[in-house]
N, C-alpha and C. Protein backbone atom coordinates (compact mmCIF):
# COMPACT_ATOMS: atom_id res chain seq x y z
N MET A 1 0.85 -1.18 0.00
CA MET A 1 0.00 0.00 0.00
C MET A 1 0.89 1.24 0.00
N SER A 2 0.43 2.27 -0.64
CA SER A 2 1.20 3.50 -0.69
C SER A 2 0.89 4.37 0.53
N ALA A 3 1.72 5.38 0.74
CA ALA A 3 1.53 6.27 1.88
C ALA A 3 0.23 7.05 1.75
N LYS A 4 -0.14 7.44 0.55
CA LYS A 4 -1.40 8.14 0.32
C LYS A 4 -2.39 7.13 -0.24
N LEU A 5 -3.50 6.98 0.40
CA LEU A 5 -4.46 5.95 0.07
C LEU A 5 -5.37 6.40 -1.07
N ASP A 6 -5.41 5.61 -2.12
CA ASP A 6 -6.33 5.84 -3.23
C ASP A 6 -7.50 4.87 -3.03
N PHE A 7 -8.60 5.39 -2.50
CA PHE A 7 -9.74 4.54 -2.17
C PHE A 7 -10.33 3.85 -3.40
N SER A 8 -10.19 4.46 -4.56
CA SER A 8 -10.75 3.85 -5.77
C SER A 8 -9.99 2.58 -6.17
N LYS A 9 -8.78 2.42 -5.68
CA LYS A 9 -7.97 1.24 -6.01
C LYS A 9 -7.89 0.25 -4.84
N LEU A 10 -8.58 0.56 -3.78
CA LEU A 10 -8.54 -0.27 -2.59
C LEU A 10 -9.47 -1.47 -2.78
N SER A 11 -8.91 -2.68 -2.66
CA SER A 11 -9.75 -3.87 -2.77
C SER A 11 -10.60 -4.00 -1.51
N LEU A 12 -11.64 -4.79 -1.61
CA LEU A 12 -12.51 -5.03 -0.47
C LEU A 12 -11.72 -5.65 0.68
N MET A 13 -10.88 -6.63 0.36
CA MET A 13 -10.07 -7.27 1.39
C MET A 13 -9.13 -6.26 2.05
N ASP A 14 -8.49 -5.41 1.25
CA ASP A 14 -7.59 -4.39 1.81
C ASP A 14 -8.35 -3.41 2.70
N ALA A 15 -9.54 -3.03 2.28
CA ALA A 15 -10.36 -2.11 3.08
C ALA A 15 -10.69 -2.75 4.43
N LEU A 16 -11.06 -4.01 4.41
CA LEU A 16 -11.37 -4.71 5.66
C LEU A 16 -10.12 -4.86 6.53
N ASP A 17 -8.99 -5.16 5.89
CA ASP A 17 -7.74 -5.30 6.65
C ASP A 17 -7.31 -3.97 7.26
N LEU A 18 -7.45 -2.88 6.52
CA LEU A 18 -7.13 -1.56 7.08
C LEU A 18 -8.07 -1.22 8.23
N ALA A 19 -9.35 -1.53 8.05
CA ALA A 19 -10.32 -1.28 9.11
C ALA A 19 -9.97 -2.07 10.37
N THR A 20 -9.55 -3.31 10.18
CA THR A 20 -9.13 -4.12 11.32
C THR A 20 -7.94 -3.48 12.02
N LEU A 21 -6.95 -3.06 11.23
CA LEU A 21 -5.77 -2.41 11.82
C LEU A 21 -6.15 -1.14 12.58
N ILE A 22 -7.07 -0.39 12.04
CA ILE A 22 -7.54 0.84 12.70
C ILE A 22 -8.07 0.50 14.08
N GLU A 23 -8.92 -0.49 14.14
CA GLU A 23 -9.56 -0.83 15.41
C GLU A 23 -8.58 -1.47 16.39
N VAL A 24 -7.66 -2.29 15.90
CA VAL A 24 -6.66 -2.90 16.78
C VAL A 24 -5.73 -1.83 17.36
N GLU A 25 -5.28 -0.90 16.50
CA GLU A 25 -4.42 0.17 16.97
C GLU A 25 -5.15 1.03 17.99
N ALA A 26 -6.41 1.35 17.73
CA ALA A 26 -7.18 2.18 18.67
C ALA A 26 -7.37 1.45 20.00
N PHE A 27 -7.67 0.15 19.95
CA PHE A 27 -7.81 -0.63 21.18
C PHE A 27 -6.54 -0.55 22.01
N LYS A 28 -5.39 -0.77 21.35
CA LYS A 28 -4.11 -0.73 22.07
C LYS A 28 -3.83 0.66 22.64
N ARG A 29 -4.11 1.69 21.83
CA ARG A 29 -3.86 3.07 22.27
C ARG A 29 -4.72 3.42 23.48
N TYR A 30 -6.01 3.10 23.44
CA TYR A 30 -6.90 3.46 24.54
C TYR A 30 -6.61 2.63 25.79
N THR A 31 -6.22 1.39 25.61
CA THR A 31 -5.81 0.58 26.75
C THR A 31 -4.58 1.19 27.41
N GLN A 32 -3.63 1.60 26.59
CA GLN A 32 -2.41 2.22 27.09
C GLN A 32 -2.72 3.55 27.79
N PHE A 33 -3.59 4.36 27.22
CA PHE A 33 -3.96 5.63 27.86
C PHE A 33 -4.59 5.38 29.22
N ALA A 34 -5.48 4.39 29.29
CA ALA A 34 -6.14 4.08 30.56
C ALA A 34 -5.12 3.66 31.61
N GLU A 35 -4.17 2.82 31.22
CA GLU A 35 -3.14 2.37 32.16
C GLU A 35 -2.26 3.53 32.61
N ARG A 36 -1.87 4.40 31.67
CA ARG A 36 -0.99 5.52 32.01
C ARG A 36 -1.66 6.53 32.92
N LEU A 37 -2.94 6.79 32.66
CA LEU A 37 -3.64 7.81 33.42
C LEU A 37 -4.10 7.30 34.78
N GLY A 38 -4.35 6.01 34.88
CA GLY A 38 -4.78 5.42 36.14
C GLY A 38 -6.15 5.93 36.57
N SER A 39 -7.02 5.03 36.89
CA SER A 39 -8.38 5.41 37.26
C SER A 39 -8.47 5.71 38.74
N SER A 40 -9.12 6.83 39.05
CA SER A 40 -9.32 7.18 40.46
C SER A 40 -10.80 7.40 40.78
N ALA A 41 -11.62 7.55 39.74
CA ALA A 41 -13.05 7.76 39.96
C ALA A 41 -13.81 7.40 38.70
N GLU A 42 -15.07 7.03 38.88
CA GLU A 42 -15.91 6.73 37.73
C GLU A 42 -16.03 7.97 36.85
N GLY A 43 -15.86 7.78 35.55
CA GLY A 43 -15.98 8.88 34.61
C GLY A 43 -14.69 9.65 34.39
N ASP A 44 -13.61 9.26 35.07
CA ASP A 44 -12.34 9.95 34.83
C ASP A 44 -11.77 9.51 33.49
N ALA A 45 -10.67 10.12 33.06
CA ALA A 45 -10.11 9.86 31.74
C ALA A 45 -9.79 8.38 31.55
N ALA A 46 -9.21 7.75 32.55
CA ALA A 46 -8.87 6.33 32.40
C ALA A 46 -10.12 5.48 32.18
N SER A 47 -11.18 5.79 32.89
CA SER A 47 -12.43 5.04 32.72
C SER A 47 -13.01 5.24 31.32
N VAL A 48 -12.94 6.48 30.83
CA VAL A 48 -13.42 6.76 29.48
C VAL A 48 -12.61 5.96 28.46
N PHE A 49 -11.28 5.98 28.62
CA PHE A 49 -10.44 5.26 27.66
C PHE A 49 -10.62 3.74 27.77
N GLU A 50 -10.88 3.22 28.97
CA GLU A 50 -11.17 1.79 29.10
C GLU A 50 -12.43 1.44 28.33
N SER A 51 -13.45 2.26 28.46
CA SER A 51 -14.70 2.04 27.74
C SER A 51 -14.49 2.12 26.23
N MET A 52 -13.69 3.08 25.80
CA MET A 52 -13.41 3.22 24.37
C MET A 52 -12.64 2.01 23.85
N ALA A 53 -11.73 1.48 24.66
CA ALA A 53 -10.96 0.30 24.25
C ALA A 53 -11.90 -0.89 24.03
N VAL A 54 -12.85 -1.07 24.93
CA VAL A 54 -13.82 -2.16 24.78
C VAL A 54 -14.60 -1.99 23.48
N ASN A 55 -15.00 -0.76 23.20
CA ASN A 55 -15.77 -0.47 21.99
C ASN A 55 -14.95 -0.75 20.73
N GLU A 56 -13.68 -0.31 20.73
CA GLU A 56 -12.82 -0.54 19.57
C GLU A 56 -12.57 -2.03 19.37
N ASN A 57 -12.44 -2.78 20.44
CA ASN A 57 -12.25 -4.22 20.35
C ASN A 57 -13.48 -4.88 19.70
N LYS A 58 -14.66 -4.42 20.09
CA LYS A 58 -15.90 -4.94 19.51
C LYS A 58 -15.92 -4.66 18.01
N HIS A 59 -15.55 -3.45 17.62
CA HIS A 59 -15.50 -3.11 16.19
C HIS A 59 -14.53 -4.04 15.45
N GLY A 60 -13.36 -4.23 16.03
CA GLY A 60 -12.36 -5.10 15.41
C GLY A 60 -12.87 -6.51 15.20
N GLU A 61 -13.59 -7.02 16.18
CA GLU A 61 -14.16 -8.36 16.06
C GLU A 61 -15.21 -8.44 14.96
N GLN A 62 -16.05 -7.39 14.84
CA GLN A 62 -17.06 -7.36 13.78
C GLN A 62 -16.40 -7.39 12.40
N ILE A 63 -15.37 -6.58 12.25
CA ILE A 63 -14.68 -6.50 10.96
C ILE A 63 -13.97 -7.82 10.66
N ALA A 64 -13.31 -8.38 11.66
CA ALA A 64 -12.58 -9.64 11.46
C ALA A 64 -13.53 -10.76 11.05
N GLU A 65 -14.71 -10.82 11.66
CA GLU A 65 -15.70 -11.84 11.29
C GLU A 65 -16.10 -11.70 9.82
N ARG A 66 -16.34 -10.47 9.40
CA ARG A 66 -16.73 -10.22 8.01
C ARG A 66 -15.59 -10.58 7.06
N ARG A 67 -14.39 -10.23 7.43
CA ARG A 67 -13.21 -10.49 6.59
C ARG A 67 -13.00 -11.99 6.42
N ILE A 68 -13.10 -12.72 7.51
CA ILE A 68 -12.92 -14.17 7.45
C ILE A 68 -14.02 -14.82 6.61
N ALA A 69 -15.25 -14.34 6.77
CA ALA A 69 -16.35 -14.90 6.00
C ALA A 69 -16.15 -14.69 4.50
N LEU A 70 -15.56 -13.57 4.13
CA LEU A 70 -15.39 -13.26 2.71
C LEU A 70 -14.08 -13.79 2.12
N PHE A 71 -13.01 -13.77 2.93
CA PHE A 71 -11.70 -14.06 2.37
C PHE A 71 -10.93 -15.17 3.09
N GLY A 72 -11.54 -15.78 4.08
CA GLY A 72 -10.88 -16.87 4.78
C GLY A 72 -9.56 -16.43 5.39
N ASP A 73 -8.55 -17.26 5.22
CA ASP A 73 -7.25 -16.96 5.84
C ASP A 73 -6.24 -16.39 4.85
N GLN A 74 -6.71 -15.75 3.78
CA GLN A 74 -5.78 -15.10 2.86
C GLN A 74 -4.92 -14.09 3.62
N ARG A 75 -3.65 -14.07 3.29
CA ARG A 75 -2.73 -13.15 3.95
C ARG A 75 -3.06 -11.71 3.58
N PRO A 76 -3.06 -10.82 4.56
CA PRO A 76 -3.30 -9.40 4.27
C PRO A 76 -2.16 -8.82 3.44
N ARG A 77 -2.50 -7.85 2.62
CA ARG A 77 -1.49 -7.14 1.83
C ARG A 77 -1.14 -5.80 2.45
N VAL A 78 -1.89 -5.39 3.45
CA VAL A 78 -1.61 -4.11 4.11
C VAL A 78 -0.66 -4.35 5.28
N LYS A 79 0.03 -3.29 5.66
CA LYS A 79 0.97 -3.35 6.79
C LYS A 79 0.49 -2.38 7.87
N ILE A 80 0.94 -2.61 9.08
CA ILE A 80 0.54 -1.75 10.19
C ILE A 80 0.89 -0.29 9.91
N THR A 81 1.99 -0.04 9.22
CA THR A 81 2.39 1.34 8.93
C THR A 81 1.44 2.03 7.96
N ASP A 82 0.61 1.28 7.27
CA ASP A 82 -0.35 1.88 6.34
C ASP A 82 -1.43 2.68 7.06
N ILE A 83 -1.60 2.49 8.36
CA ILE A 83 -2.67 3.21 9.03
C ILE A 83 -2.28 4.62 9.47
N PHE A 84 -1.01 4.99 9.35
CA PHE A 84 -0.63 6.32 9.82
C PHE A 84 -1.31 7.44 9.03
N ASP A 85 -1.56 7.24 7.76
CA ASP A 85 -2.30 8.24 6.99
C ASP A 85 -3.81 8.00 7.08
N VAL A 86 -4.19 6.88 7.67
CA VAL A 86 -5.60 6.53 7.72
C VAL A 86 -6.21 6.90 9.07
N GLU A 87 -5.63 6.44 10.18
CA GLU A 87 -6.27 6.66 11.47
C GLU A 87 -5.31 6.91 12.62
N ALA A 88 -4.18 6.29 12.62
CA ALA A 88 -3.30 6.35 13.79
C ALA A 88 -2.87 7.78 14.08
N PRO A 89 -2.63 8.07 15.34
CA PRO A 89 -2.14 9.41 15.67
C PRO A 89 -0.77 9.64 15.05
N ASP A 90 -0.44 10.88 14.86
CA ASP A 90 0.87 11.20 14.32
C ASP A 90 1.94 10.56 15.18
N TYR A 91 3.00 10.08 14.53
CA TYR A 91 4.09 9.42 15.25
C TYR A 91 4.62 10.36 16.33
N GLY A 92 4.72 9.88 17.54
CA GLY A 92 5.23 10.68 18.65
C GLY A 92 4.16 11.48 19.37
N ALA A 93 2.93 11.51 18.86
CA ALA A 93 1.87 12.29 19.51
C ALA A 93 1.57 11.75 20.91
N PRO A 94 1.35 10.45 21.07
CA PRO A 94 1.16 9.95 22.43
C PRO A 94 2.51 9.91 23.16
N THR A 95 2.55 10.47 24.35
CA THR A 95 3.77 10.43 25.16
C THR A 95 3.46 9.79 26.50
N SER A 96 4.50 9.32 27.17
CA SER A 96 4.28 8.54 28.38
C SER A 96 3.65 9.33 29.51
N GLY A 97 3.97 10.61 29.65
CA GLY A 97 3.43 11.37 30.77
C GLY A 97 2.42 12.41 30.36
N MET A 98 1.75 12.19 29.24
CA MET A 98 0.84 13.22 28.74
C MET A 98 -0.33 13.44 29.68
N SER A 99 -0.81 14.65 29.66
CA SER A 99 -1.96 15.03 30.46
C SER A 99 -3.22 14.38 29.90
N PRO A 100 -4.27 14.31 30.71
CA PRO A 100 -5.54 13.81 30.17
C PRO A 100 -5.99 14.64 28.96
N LEU A 101 -5.80 15.95 29.01
CA LEU A 101 -6.20 16.78 27.87
C LEU A 101 -5.45 16.37 26.60
N LYS A 102 -4.15 16.16 26.69
CA LYS A 102 -3.38 15.74 25.52
C LYS A 102 -3.85 14.38 25.02
N ALA A 103 -4.16 13.48 25.94
CA ALA A 103 -4.65 12.16 25.53
C ALA A 103 -5.97 12.31 24.78
N TYR A 104 -6.84 13.18 25.26
CA TYR A 104 -8.10 13.41 24.56
C TYR A 104 -7.87 14.05 23.19
N TRP A 105 -6.90 14.95 23.09
CA TRP A 105 -6.61 15.56 21.79
C TRP A 105 -6.11 14.50 20.79
N VAL A 106 -5.25 13.60 21.26
CA VAL A 106 -4.76 12.52 20.39
C VAL A 106 -5.94 11.64 19.97
N ALA A 107 -6.80 11.31 20.93
CA ALA A 107 -7.97 10.48 20.63
C ALA A 107 -8.89 11.19 19.64
N LEU A 108 -9.10 12.47 19.82
CA LEU A 108 -9.98 13.22 18.92
C LEU A 108 -9.44 13.22 17.50
N SER A 109 -8.17 13.44 17.35
CA SER A 109 -7.55 13.42 16.03
C SER A 109 -7.71 12.05 15.37
N ALA A 110 -7.45 10.99 16.12
CA ALA A 110 -7.55 9.63 15.58
C ALA A 110 -9.00 9.28 15.22
N GLU A 111 -9.94 9.69 16.05
CA GLU A 111 -11.35 9.39 15.77
C GLU A 111 -11.82 10.14 14.52
N LYS A 112 -11.35 11.36 14.33
CA LYS A 112 -11.69 12.10 13.11
C LYS A 112 -11.10 11.42 11.88
N LYS A 113 -9.87 10.91 12.00
CA LYS A 113 -9.26 10.18 10.89
C LYS A 113 -10.03 8.89 10.60
N ALA A 114 -10.47 8.20 11.64
CA ALA A 114 -11.23 6.96 11.45
C ALA A 114 -12.56 7.27 10.76
N PHE A 115 -13.23 8.34 11.18
CA PHE A 115 -14.46 8.75 10.52
C PHE A 115 -14.22 8.97 9.03
N ALA A 116 -13.15 9.71 8.71
CA ALA A 116 -12.83 10.01 7.31
C ALA A 116 -12.55 8.72 6.52
N PHE A 117 -11.84 7.78 7.14
CA PHE A 117 -11.55 6.51 6.46
C PHE A 117 -12.84 5.78 6.11
N TYR A 118 -13.70 5.57 7.12
CA TYR A 118 -14.93 4.82 6.88
C TYR A 118 -15.85 5.56 5.90
N ASP A 119 -15.88 6.88 5.98
CA ASP A 119 -16.70 7.66 5.08
C ASP A 119 -16.23 7.50 3.63
N GLN A 120 -14.92 7.58 3.42
CA GLN A 120 -14.38 7.41 2.08
C GLN A 120 -14.46 5.96 1.60
N ALA A 121 -14.10 5.03 2.46
CA ALA A 121 -14.06 3.61 2.06
C ALA A 121 -15.45 3.11 1.67
N ARG A 122 -16.46 3.50 2.41
CA ARG A 122 -17.82 3.02 2.12
C ARG A 122 -18.28 3.44 0.74
N ARG A 123 -17.77 4.55 0.23
CA ARG A 123 -18.15 5.05 -1.09
C ARG A 123 -17.61 4.16 -2.22
N HIS A 124 -16.56 3.39 -1.90
CA HIS A 124 -15.91 2.56 -2.92
C HIS A 124 -16.16 1.07 -2.70
N VAL A 125 -16.95 0.74 -1.70
CA VAL A 125 -17.26 -0.66 -1.39
C VAL A 125 -18.56 -1.03 -2.08
N ASN A 126 -18.54 -2.11 -2.83
CA ASN A 126 -19.74 -2.56 -3.54
C ASN A 126 -20.49 -3.66 -2.80
N GLN A 127 -19.84 -4.32 -1.87
CA GLN A 127 -20.46 -5.41 -1.13
C GLN A 127 -21.42 -4.79 -0.10
N PRO A 128 -22.72 -5.03 -0.21
CA PRO A 128 -23.71 -4.35 0.63
C PRO A 128 -23.50 -4.50 2.14
N GLU A 129 -23.13 -5.70 2.58
CA GLU A 129 -22.95 -5.91 4.02
C GLU A 129 -21.75 -5.14 4.55
N VAL A 130 -20.67 -5.08 3.79
CA VAL A 130 -19.48 -4.34 4.21
C VAL A 130 -19.77 -2.84 4.15
N LYS A 131 -20.47 -2.41 3.13
CA LYS A 131 -20.86 -1.00 3.01
C LYS A 131 -21.68 -0.59 4.25
N ALA A 132 -22.64 -1.42 4.63
CA ALA A 132 -23.47 -1.13 5.80
C ALA A 132 -22.62 -1.11 7.08
N LEU A 133 -21.68 -2.05 7.19
CA LEU A 133 -20.80 -2.08 8.35
C LEU A 133 -19.96 -0.82 8.42
N PHE A 134 -19.39 -0.40 7.30
CA PHE A 134 -18.57 0.82 7.28
C PHE A 134 -19.41 2.05 7.59
N GLU A 135 -20.67 2.08 7.15
CA GLU A 135 -21.54 3.21 7.49
C GLU A 135 -21.82 3.23 8.99
N GLU A 136 -22.06 2.06 9.55
CA GLU A 136 -22.29 1.96 11.00
C GLU A 136 -21.05 2.41 11.78
N LEU A 137 -19.88 1.97 11.34
CA LEU A 137 -18.64 2.35 12.02
C LEU A 137 -18.36 3.84 11.85
N ARG A 138 -18.63 4.39 10.67
CA ARG A 138 -18.47 5.82 10.44
C ARG A 138 -19.35 6.61 11.42
N ASP A 139 -20.60 6.18 11.57
CA ASP A 139 -21.51 6.87 12.47
C ASP A 139 -21.05 6.78 13.93
N GLU A 140 -20.50 5.63 14.30
CA GLU A 140 -19.98 5.49 15.66
C GLU A 140 -18.76 6.36 15.88
N GLU A 141 -17.91 6.49 14.86
CA GLU A 141 -16.74 7.38 14.97
C GLU A 141 -17.21 8.82 15.15
N ALA A 142 -18.28 9.21 14.46
CA ALA A 142 -18.84 10.56 14.62
C ALA A 142 -19.32 10.76 16.06
N GLU A 143 -19.94 9.74 16.63
CA GLU A 143 -20.36 9.82 18.04
C GLU A 143 -19.16 9.95 18.96
N HIS A 144 -18.09 9.23 18.66
CA HIS A 144 -16.87 9.32 19.48
C HIS A 144 -16.30 10.74 19.42
N VAL A 145 -16.28 11.33 18.23
CA VAL A 145 -15.78 12.69 18.07
C VAL A 145 -16.60 13.64 18.93
N GLN A 146 -17.92 13.55 18.85
CA GLN A 146 -18.78 14.43 19.64
C GLN A 146 -18.58 14.22 21.13
N MET A 147 -18.45 12.96 21.55
CA MET A 147 -18.25 12.66 22.96
C MET A 147 -16.94 13.26 23.46
N ILE A 148 -15.87 13.07 22.71
CA ILE A 148 -14.56 13.59 23.13
C ILE A 148 -14.56 15.11 23.15
N GLU A 149 -15.17 15.73 22.15
CA GLU A 149 -15.26 17.19 22.15
C GLU A 149 -16.01 17.70 23.38
N ALA A 150 -17.08 17.01 23.76
CA ALA A 150 -17.85 17.41 24.94
C ALA A 150 -17.03 17.23 26.22
N ILE A 151 -16.28 16.16 26.30
CA ILE A 151 -15.42 15.92 27.47
C ILE A 151 -14.35 17.00 27.56
N ILE A 152 -13.70 17.30 26.44
CA ILE A 152 -12.64 18.32 26.44
C ILE A 152 -13.20 19.65 26.91
N ALA A 153 -14.40 19.99 26.48
CA ALA A 153 -15.01 21.27 26.86
C ALA A 153 -15.25 21.38 28.36
N LYS A 154 -15.39 20.25 29.04
CA LYS A 154 -15.69 20.25 30.47
C LYS A 154 -14.48 19.97 31.37
N LEU A 155 -13.31 19.76 30.79
CA LEU A 155 -12.15 19.39 31.59
C LEU A 155 -11.72 20.53 32.52
N PRO A 156 -11.35 20.18 33.74
CA PRO A 156 -10.84 21.20 34.66
C PRO A 156 -9.41 21.59 34.27
N PRO A 157 -8.93 22.72 34.76
CA PRO A 157 -7.56 23.15 34.44
C PRO A 157 -6.49 22.11 34.77
N ALA A 158 -6.69 21.34 35.81
CA ALA A 158 -5.70 20.33 36.21
C ALA A 158 -5.49 19.28 35.12
N ALA A 159 -6.46 19.10 34.24
CA ALA A 159 -6.34 18.11 33.18
C ALA A 159 -5.30 18.50 32.14
N ARG A 160 -4.82 19.74 32.19
CA ARG A 160 -3.81 20.21 31.24
C ARG A 160 -2.39 19.87 31.69
N ILE A 161 -2.23 19.46 32.93
CA ILE A 161 -0.91 19.22 33.50
C ILE A 161 -0.43 17.83 33.10
N ASP A 162 0.72 17.78 32.42
CA ASP A 162 1.31 16.50 32.07
C ASP A 162 1.63 15.73 33.34
N LEU A 163 1.43 14.43 33.31
CA LEU A 163 1.68 13.61 34.48
C LEU A 163 3.13 13.69 34.91
N GLU A 164 4.05 13.77 33.96
CA GLU A 164 5.46 13.85 34.31
C GLU A 164 5.82 15.20 34.91
N ASP A 165 4.95 16.21 34.69
CA ASP A 165 5.19 17.55 35.22
C ASP A 165 4.62 17.73 36.62
N GLU A 166 3.84 16.78 37.12
CA GLU A 166 3.20 16.95 38.41
C GLU A 166 4.21 17.19 39.53
N ASP A 167 5.35 16.51 39.48
CA ASP A 167 6.33 16.68 40.55
C ASP A 167 6.94 18.07 40.55
N SER A 168 7.00 18.71 39.39
CA SER A 168 7.57 20.04 39.33
C SER A 168 6.51 21.13 39.48
N HIS A 169 5.24 20.73 39.55
CA HIS A 169 4.16 21.70 39.71
C HIS A 169 4.23 22.30 41.11
N PRO A 170 4.04 23.63 41.26
CA PRO A 170 4.18 24.27 42.57
C PRO A 170 3.30 23.66 43.66
N ASN A 171 2.15 23.15 43.30
CA ASN A 171 1.25 22.59 44.31
C ASN A 171 1.29 21.07 44.35
N SER A 172 2.33 20.46 43.78
CA SER A 172 2.35 19.00 43.67
C SER A 172 2.34 18.32 45.03
N ASP A 173 3.06 18.85 46.02
CA ASP A 173 3.06 18.24 47.35
C ASP A 173 1.69 18.34 48.00
N VAL A 174 1.04 19.46 47.83
CA VAL A 174 -0.30 19.65 48.38
C VAL A 174 -1.27 18.69 47.68
N ARG A 175 -1.16 18.60 46.38
CA ARG A 175 -2.04 17.72 45.63
C ARG A 175 -1.82 16.26 46.02
N ARG A 176 -0.56 15.89 46.21
CA ARG A 176 -0.26 14.50 46.59
C ARG A 176 -0.82 14.21 47.98
N LEU A 177 -0.64 15.13 48.92
CA LEU A 177 -1.19 14.94 50.27
C LEU A 177 -2.71 14.83 50.22
N ALA A 178 -3.33 15.71 49.45
CA ALA A 178 -4.80 15.68 49.35
C ALA A 178 -5.26 14.36 48.74
N LYS A 179 -4.56 13.91 47.73
CA LYS A 179 -4.93 12.66 47.09
C LYS A 179 -4.80 11.50 48.08
N ASP A 180 -3.69 11.47 48.85
CA ASP A 180 -3.48 10.40 49.83
C ASP A 180 -4.53 10.44 50.92
N ARG A 181 -4.92 11.63 51.33
CA ARG A 181 -5.88 11.77 52.42
C ARG A 181 -7.30 11.45 52.03
N PHE A 182 -7.70 11.85 50.86
CA PHE A 182 -9.12 11.80 50.50
C PHE A 182 -9.48 10.68 49.55
N GLU A 183 -8.55 9.86 49.20
CA GLU A 183 -8.90 8.74 48.33
C GLU A 183 -8.72 7.43 49.03
């Protein structure tokens, strides 16, 4: 596959394989974000990312079932690196100590890319069941975008602080004491 995707030349199998890669990469990314951020309360960033990981895994399973039904165990022609122009966040965008806000920005960018992929791919898919699946996934990606935008709009100022910067933050000792006392 080339770095720039020509949807008109994308085979049905390649479209399904790229879709699978999109969902697998998103599952791994959201699982990693949840682990890095650590959950402290229901509805916090880690909980949101855990829920998103479950959802992406479900999508991946749906796509894999369809792919196997249509193409069996034929080897994929796409590579994991093919998703960087399709859905994956820009290389280096996720960092180990990123703030919840930065994690949401990375997620928002990736969800918008996934929406664009499914929107474009469905236009070139002739198989009705796959077309319907891609339309469903496109619509779910649109919901993810709206959800993340709403979350970002409500984030408190503390969500902007990188986790690795907490120790150098002027109130870090106070915050750590408060966290130890009240949790």
